[in-house]
């Protein structure tokens, strides 16, 4: 049986292209996740593991839909091989049921990881250059120091709900909790 797996990184992205390609490739079942590839706990992918049996083929649209690092991809390849399951990637035209497909899989995985490392290095170099010029990265604080202190005070007084404090201050719950932690640490 062919089982398809699709993934997009954000909720705003659409799975239709991948789903259509997987169904056209003959997948009887298609599971999907809307999560970053760096997130290891993906419910759709866990369900795929439960469904796969010896002789099945896991079909993906592209290698990066399955894993974000060469290590992830190799771990998946080993897992699938141990369980007698082939891996087919539609975009790269890879099928690990063949020796050539296995070699191609490893080459593409290495190239994808190399590309991600180059992007990371360029980003880090850009941030270092900006810091050298006195620019700090990151998102600006939602509230100035006085308003942060007020939010923490309201939180500690426990007279208002967290939701009410957040609404009044125009911040999210995680932001409020970050301010409370920072006040406790300082």
C-alpha atoms as a PDB file:
ATOM      1  CA  UNK A   1       0.000   0.000   0.000  1.00  0.00           C
ATOM      2  CA  UNK A   2       1.160   3.550  -0.696  1.00  0.00           C
ATOM      3  CA  UNK A   3       0.735   5.958   2.202  1.00  0.00           C
ATOM      4  CA  UNK A   4       1.295   9.652   1.595  1.00  0.00           C
ATOM      5  CA  UNK A   5       2.582  12.273   3.995  1.00  0.00           C
ATOM      6  CA  UNK A   6       2.248  16.023   3.452  1.00  0.00           C
ATOM      7  CA  UNK A   7       3.460  18.904   5.598  1.00  0.00           C
ATOM      8  CA  UNK A   8       3.368  22.677   5.533  1.00  0.00           C
ATOM      9  CA  UNK A   9       5.236  24.863   7.996  1.00  0.00           C
ATOM     10  CA  UNK A  10       2.500  27.329   8.901  1.00  0.00           C
ATOM     11  CA  UNK A  11      -1.252  27.346   9.290  1.00  0.00           C
ATOM     12  CA  UNK A  12      -1.530  29.918   6.483  1.00  0.00           C
ATOM     13  CA  UNK A  13       0.047  27.552   3.959  1.00  0.00           C
ATOM     14  CA  UNK A  14      -2.090  25.181   1.921  1.00  0.00           C
ATOM     15  CA  UNK A  15      -1.698  21.405   1.654  1.00  0.00           C
ATOM     16  CA  UNK A  16      -3.715  21.026  -1.580  1.00  0.00           C
ATOM     17  CA  UNK A  17      -0.744  20.846  -3.967  1.00  0.00           C
ATOM     18  CA  UNK A  18       0.905  18.081  -1.946  1.00  0.00           C
ATOM     19  CA  UNK A  19      -2.328  16.166  -1.340  1.00  0.00           C
ATOM     20  CA  UNK A  20      -3.209  16.243  -5.047  1.00  0.00           C
ATOM     21  CA  UNK A  21       0.257  15.007  -6.064  1.00  0.00           C
ATOM     22  CA  UNK A  22       0.178  12.213  -3.478  1.00  0.00           C
ATOM     23  CA  UNK A  23      -3.275  11.046  -4.548  1.00  0.00           C
ATOM     24  CA  UNK A  24      -2.216  11.153  -8.216  1.00  0.00           C
ATOM     25  CA  UNK A  25       0.789   8.979  -7.248  1.00  0.00           C
ATOM     26  CA  UNK A  26      -1.652   6.318  -6.031  1.00  0.00           C
ATOM     27  CA  UNK A  27      -1.625   6.867  -2.263  1.00  0.00           C
ATOM     28  CA  UNK A  28      -4.542   5.134  -0.603  1.00  0.00           C
ATOM     29  CA  UNK A  29      -4.151   7.234   2.526  1.00  0.00           C
ATOM     30  CA  UNK A  30      -2.696  10.713   2.927  1.00  0.00           C
ATOM     31  CA  UNK A  31      -1.814  12.128   6.342  1.00  0.00           C
ATOM     32  CA  UNK A  32      -0.700  15.690   6.937  1.00  0.00           C
ATOM     33  CA  UNK A  33       0.732  18.078   9.481  1.00  0.00           C
ATOM     34  CA  UNK A  34       0.799  21.853   9.735  1.00  0.00           C
ATOM     35  CA  UNK A  35       4.024  22.238  11.687  1.00  0.00           C
ATOM     36  CA  UNK A  36       7.594  23.304  11.172  1.00  0.00           C
ATOM     37  CA  UNK A  37       9.963  20.571  10.058  1.00  0.00           C
ATOM     38  CA  UNK A  38      12.059  21.343  13.115  1.00  0.00           C
ATOM     39  CA  UNK A  39       9.214  20.206  15.365  1.00  0.00           C
ATOM     40  CA  UNK A  40       9.818  16.544  16.167  1.00  0.00           C
ATOM     41  CA  UNK A  41       6.330  15.779  17.534  1.00  0.00           C
ATOM     42  CA  UNK A  42       4.106  15.720  14.471  1.00  0.00           C
ATOM     43  CA  UNK A  43       0.812  13.809  14.932  1.00  0.00           C
ATOM     44  CA  UNK A  44       0.367  13.043  11.229  1.00  0.00           C
ATOM     45  CA  UNK A  45       3.854  11.597  10.949  1.00  0.00           C
ATOM     46  CA  UNK A  46       3.337   9.503  14.088  1.00  0.00           C
ATOM     47  CA  UNK A  47       0.123   8.116  12.555  1.00  0.00           C
ATOM     48  CA  UNK A  48       2.083   7.277   9.383  1.00  0.00           C
ATOM     49  CA  UNK A  49       4.460   5.155  11.498  1.00  0.00           C
ATOM     50  CA  UNK A  50       1.492   3.288  12.962  1.00  0.00           C
ATOM     51  CA  UNK A  51      -0.010   2.577   9.529  1.00  0.00           C
ATOM     52  CA  UNK A  52       3.119   1.465   7.652  1.00  0.00           C
ATOM     53  CA  UNK A  53       3.627  -2.267   7.179  1.00  0.00           C
ATOM     54  CA  UNK A  54       6.293  -4.360   5.468  1.00  0.00           C
ATOM     55  CA  UNK A  55       5.971  -3.953   1.707  1.00  0.00           C
ATOM     56  CA  UNK A  56       4.346  -0.508   1.936  1.00  0.00           C
ATOM     57  CA  UNK A  57       5.742   2.665   0.401  1.00  0.00           C
ATOM     58  CA  UNK A  58       5.818   6.020   2.167  1.00  0.00           C
ATOM     59  CA  UNK A  59       5.288   8.707  -0.471  1.00  0.00           C
ATOM     60  CA  UNK A  60       6.249  12.327   0.126  1.00  0.00           C
ATOM     61  CA  UNK A  61       6.114  15.357  -2.129  1.00  0.00           C
ATOM     62  CA  UNK A  62       9.684  16.473  -1.323  1.00  0.00           C
ATOM     63  CA  UNK A  63      12.407  15.259   1.039  1.00  0.00           C
ATOM     64  CA  UNK A  64      12.215  18.383   3.194  1.00  0.00           C
ATOM     65  CA  UNK A  65       8.597  17.523   4.043  1.00  0.00           C
ATOM     66  CA  UNK A  66       9.867  14.487   5.978  1.00  0.00           C
ATOM     67  CA  UNK A  67      12.886  15.911   7.801  1.00  0.00           C
ATOM     68  CA  UNK A  68      14.901  19.114   7.984  1.00  0.00           C
ATOM     69  CA  UNK A  69      18.355  17.642   8.489  1.00  0.00           C
ATOM     70  CA  UNK A  70      20.385  14.903   6.888  1.00  0.00           C
ATOM     71  CA  UNK A  71      20.366  13.175  10.264  1.00  0.00           C
ATOM     72  CA  UNK A  72      16.525  13.192  10.328  1.00  0.00           C
ATOM     73  CA  UNK A  73      16.293  11.869   6.792  1.00  0.00           C
ATOM     74  CA  UNK A  74      18.845   9.119   7.376  1.00  0.00           C
ATOM     75  CA  UNK A  75      17.066   8.111  10.591  1.00  0.00           C
ATOM     76  CA  UNK A  76      13.828   7.854   8.623  1.00  0.00           C
ATOM     77  CA  UNK A  77      15.517   5.897   5.832  1.00  0.00           C
ATOM     78  CA  UNK A  78      16.958   3.437   8.375  1.00  0.00           C
ATOM     79  CA  UNK A  79      13.622   3.120  10.173  1.00  0.00           C
ATOM     80  CA  UNK A  80      11.815   2.439   6.909  1.00  0.00           C
ATOM     81  CA  UNK A  81      14.457  -0.029   5.719  1.00  0.00           C
ATOM     82  CA  UNK A  82      14.308  -1.928   9.037  1.00  0.00           C
ATOM     83  CA  UNK A  83      10.539  -2.235   8.629  1.00  0.00           C
ATOM     84  CA  UNK A  84      10.685  -3.234   4.949  1.00  0.00           C
ATOM     85  CA  UNK A  85       9.099   0.011   3.770  1.00  0.00           C
ATOM     86  CA  UNK A  86      10.223   1.931   0.686  1.00  0.00           C
ATOM     87  CA  UNK A  87      10.386   5.719   0.473  1.00  0.00           C
ATOM     88  CA  UNK A  88       9.307   7.586  -2.641  1.00  0.00           C
ATOM     89  CA  UNK A  89       9.846  11.317  -3.099  1.00  0.00           C
ATOM     90  CA  UNK A  90       7.866  12.728  -6.008  1.00  0.00           C
ATOM     91  CA  UNK A  91       9.745  16.002  -6.622  1.00  0.00           C
ATOM     92  CA  UNK A  92      13.210  14.449  -6.543  1.00  0.00           C
ATOM     93  CA  UNK A  93      12.036  11.271  -8.327  1.00  0.00           C
ATOM     94  CA  UNK A  94      13.568   9.066  -5.657  1.00  0.00           C
ATOM     95  CA  UNK A  95      12.460   5.566  -4.792  1.00  0.00           C
ATOM     96  CA  UNK A  96      14.525   3.763  -2.158  1.00  0.00           C
ATOM     97  CA  UNK A  97      13.236   0.411  -3.368  1.00  0.00           C
ATOM     98  CA  UNK A  98      16.209   0.605  -5.787  1.00  0.00           C
ATOM     99  CA  UNK A  99      19.951   0.973  -5.082  1.00  0.00           C
ATOM    100  CA  UNK A 100      20.107   4.054  -7.297  1.00  0.00           C
ATOM    101  CA  UNK A 101      17.179   5.539  -5.392  1.00  0.00           C
ATOM    102  CA  UNK A 102      18.944   4.971  -2.067  1.00  0.00           C
ATOM    103  CA  UNK A 103      22.109   6.710  -3.317  1.00  0.00           C
ATOM    104  CA  UNK A 104      20.123   9.608  -4.761  1.00  0.00           C
ATOM    105  CA  UNK A 105      18.196   9.948  -1.495  1.00  0.00           C
ATOM    106  CA  UNK A 106      21.419  10.368   0.492  1.00  0.00           C
ATOM    107  CA  UNK A 107      22.872  12.849  -2.011  1.00  0.00           C
ATOM    108  CA  UNK A 108      19.767  15.046  -2.042  1.00  0.00           C
ATOM    109  CA  UNK A 109      19.531  14.927   1.739  1.00  0.00           C
ATOM    110  CA  UNK A 110      23.158  16.056   2.077  1.00  0.00           C
ATOM    111  CA  UNK A 111      22.630  18.892  -0.408  1.00  0.00           C
ATOM    112  CA  UNK A 112      19.465  20.069   1.372  1.00  0.00           C
ATOM    113  CA  UNK A 113      21.276  20.165   4.725  1.00  0.00           C
ATOM    114  CA  UNK A 114      24.213  22.009   3.111  1.00  0.00           C
ATOM    115  CA  UNK A 115      21.814  24.640   1.751  1.00  0.00           C
ATOM    116  CA  UNK A 116      20.176  25.143   5.167  1.00  0.00           C
ATOM    117  CA  UNK A 117      23.612  25.502   6.804  1.00  0.00           C
ATOM    118  CA  UNK A 118      24.619  28.154   4.249  1.00  0.00           C
ATOM    119  CA  UNK A 119      21.433  30.109   4.958  1.00  0.00           C
ATOM    120  CA  UNK A 120      22.074  29.855   8.723  1.00  0.00           C
ATOM    121  CA  UNK A 121      25.692  31.050   8.285  1.00  0.00           C
ATOM    122  CA  UNK A 122      24.610  34.028   6.150  1.00  0.00           C
ATOM    123  CA  UNK A 123      21.940  34.964   8.692  1.00  0.00           C
ATOM    124  CA  UNK A 124      24.397  34.774  11.587  1.00  0.00           C
ATOM    125  CA  UNK A 125      26.951  36.858   9.655  1.00  0.00           C
ATOM    126  CA  UNK A 126      24.297  39.491   8.909  1.00  0.00           C
ATOM    127  CA  UNK A 127      23.248  39.655  12.566  1.00  0.00           C
ATOM    128  CA  UNK A 128      26.886  39.968  13.687  1.00  0.00           C
ATOM    129  CA  UNK A 129      27.458  42.803  11.197  1.00  0.00           C
ATOM    130  CA  UNK A 130      24.328  44.594  12.450  1.00  0.00           C
ATOM    131  CA  UNK A 131      25.446  44.175  16.096  1.00  0.00           C
ATOM    132  CA  UNK A 132      28.869  45.587  15.202  1.00  0.00           C
ATOM    133  CA  UNK A 133      27.066  48.714  13.968  1.00  0.00           C
ATOM    134  CA  UNK A 134      25.156  48.978  17.260  1.00  0.00           C
ATOM    135  CA  UNK A 135      21.853  47.480  16.048  1.00  0.00           C
ATOM    136  CA  UNK A 136      20.169  44.909  18.214  1.00  0.00           C
ATOM    137  CA  UNK A 137      18.000  42.220  16.699  1.00  0.00           C
ATOM    138  CA  UNK A 138      14.727  40.890  17.895  1.00  0.00           C
ATOM    139  CA  UNK A 139      11.242  42.180  18.256  1.00  0.00           C
ATOM    140  CA  UNK A 140      10.781  45.463  20.118  1.00  0.00           C
ATOM    141  CA  UNK A 141       9.220  45.190  23.565  1.00  0.00           C
ATOM    142  CA  UNK A 142       5.432  45.480  23.515  1.00  0.00           C
ATOM    143  CA  UNK A 143       5.400  47.752  26.574  1.00  0.00           C
ATOM    144  CA  UNK A 144       7.830  50.261  28.041  1.00  0.00           C
ATOM    145  CA  UNK A 145       9.371  49.543  31.467  1.00  0.00           C
ATOM    146  CA  UNK A 146       6.670  51.403  33.431  1.00  0.00           C
ATOM    147  CA  UNK A 147       3.817  49.570  31.727  1.00  0.00           C
ATOM    148  CA  UNK A 148       5.622  46.250  32.149  1.00  0.00           C
ATOM    149  CA  UNK A 149       5.920  46.932  35.889  1.00  0.00           C
ATOM    150  CA  UNK A 150       2.216  47.831  36.035  1.00  0.00           C
ATOM    151  CA  UNK A 151       1.259  44.607  34.237  1.00  0.00           C
ATOM    152  CA  UNK A 152       3.360  42.553  36.668  1.00  0.00           C
ATOM    153  CA  UNK A 153       1.852  44.416  39.650  1.00  0.00           C
ATOM    154  CA  UNK A 154      -1.702  43.745  38.405  1.00  0.00           C
ATOM    155  CA  UNK A 155      -0.815  40.091  37.894  1.00  0.00           C
ATOM    156  CA  UNK A 156       0.622  39.722  41.398  1.00  0.00           C
ATOM    157  CA  UNK A 157      -2.339  41.503  43.048  1.00  0.00           C
ATOM    158  CA  UNK A 158      -4.625  38.792  41.589  1.00  0.00           C
ATOM    159  CA  UNK A 159      -7.592  41.208  41.454  1.00  0.00           C
ATOM    160  CA  UNK A 160      -7.951  40.856  37.687  1.00  0.00           C
ATOM    161  CA  UNK A 161      -7.848  37.787  35.482  1.00  0.00           C
ATOM    162  CA  UNK A 162      -4.852  37.218  33.244  1.00  0.00           C
ATOM    163  CA  UNK A 163      -7.100  37.637  30.218  1.00  0.00           C
ATOM    164  CA  UNK A 164      -8.337  41.005  31.521  1.00  0.00           C
ATOM    165  CA  UNK A 165      -4.807  42.275  32.226  1.00  0.00           C
ATOM    166  CA  UNK A 166      -3.702  41.224  28.736  1.00  0.00           C
ATOM    167  CA  UNK A 167      -6.704  42.937  27.134  1.00  0.00           C
ATOM    168  CA  UNK A 168      -6.089  46.146  29.102  1.00  0.00           C
ATOM    169  CA  UNK A 169      -2.387  46.232  28.260  1.00  0.00           C
ATOM    170  CA  UNK A 170      -2.772  45.008  24.665  1.00  0.00           C
ATOM    171  CA  UNK A 171      -0.434  42.056  25.131  1.00  0.00           C
ATOM    172  CA  UNK A 172      -0.662  38.278  24.864  1.00  0.00           C
ATOM    173  CA  UNK A 173      -0.577  35.849  27.775  1.00  0.00           C
ATOM    174  CA  UNK A 174       2.938  34.594  26.896  1.00  0.00           C
ATOM    175  CA  UNK A 175       4.157  38.203  26.852  1.00  0.00           C
ATOM    176  CA  UNK A 176       2.648  38.852  30.288  1.00  0.00           C
ATOM    177  CA  UNK A 177       4.206  35.681  31.688  1.00  0.00           C
ATOM    178  CA  UNK A 178       7.576  36.686  30.187  1.00  0.00           C
ATOM    179  CA  UNK A 179       7.350  40.039  31.991  1.00  0.00           C
ATOM    180  CA  UNK A 180       6.461  38.280  35.259  1.00  0.00           C
ATOM    181  CA  UNK A 181       9.431  35.898  34.883  1.00  0.00           C
ATOM    182  CA  UNK A 182      11.789  38.774  34.052  1.00  0.00           C
ATOM    183  CA  UNK A 183      10.593  40.698  37.132  1.00  0.00           C
ATOM    184  CA  UNK A 184      11.125  37.628  39.331  1.00  0.00           C
ATOM    185  CA  UNK A 185      14.635  37.035  37.943  1.00  0.00           C
ATOM    186  CA  UNK A 186      15.692  40.660  38.317  1.00  0.00           C
END
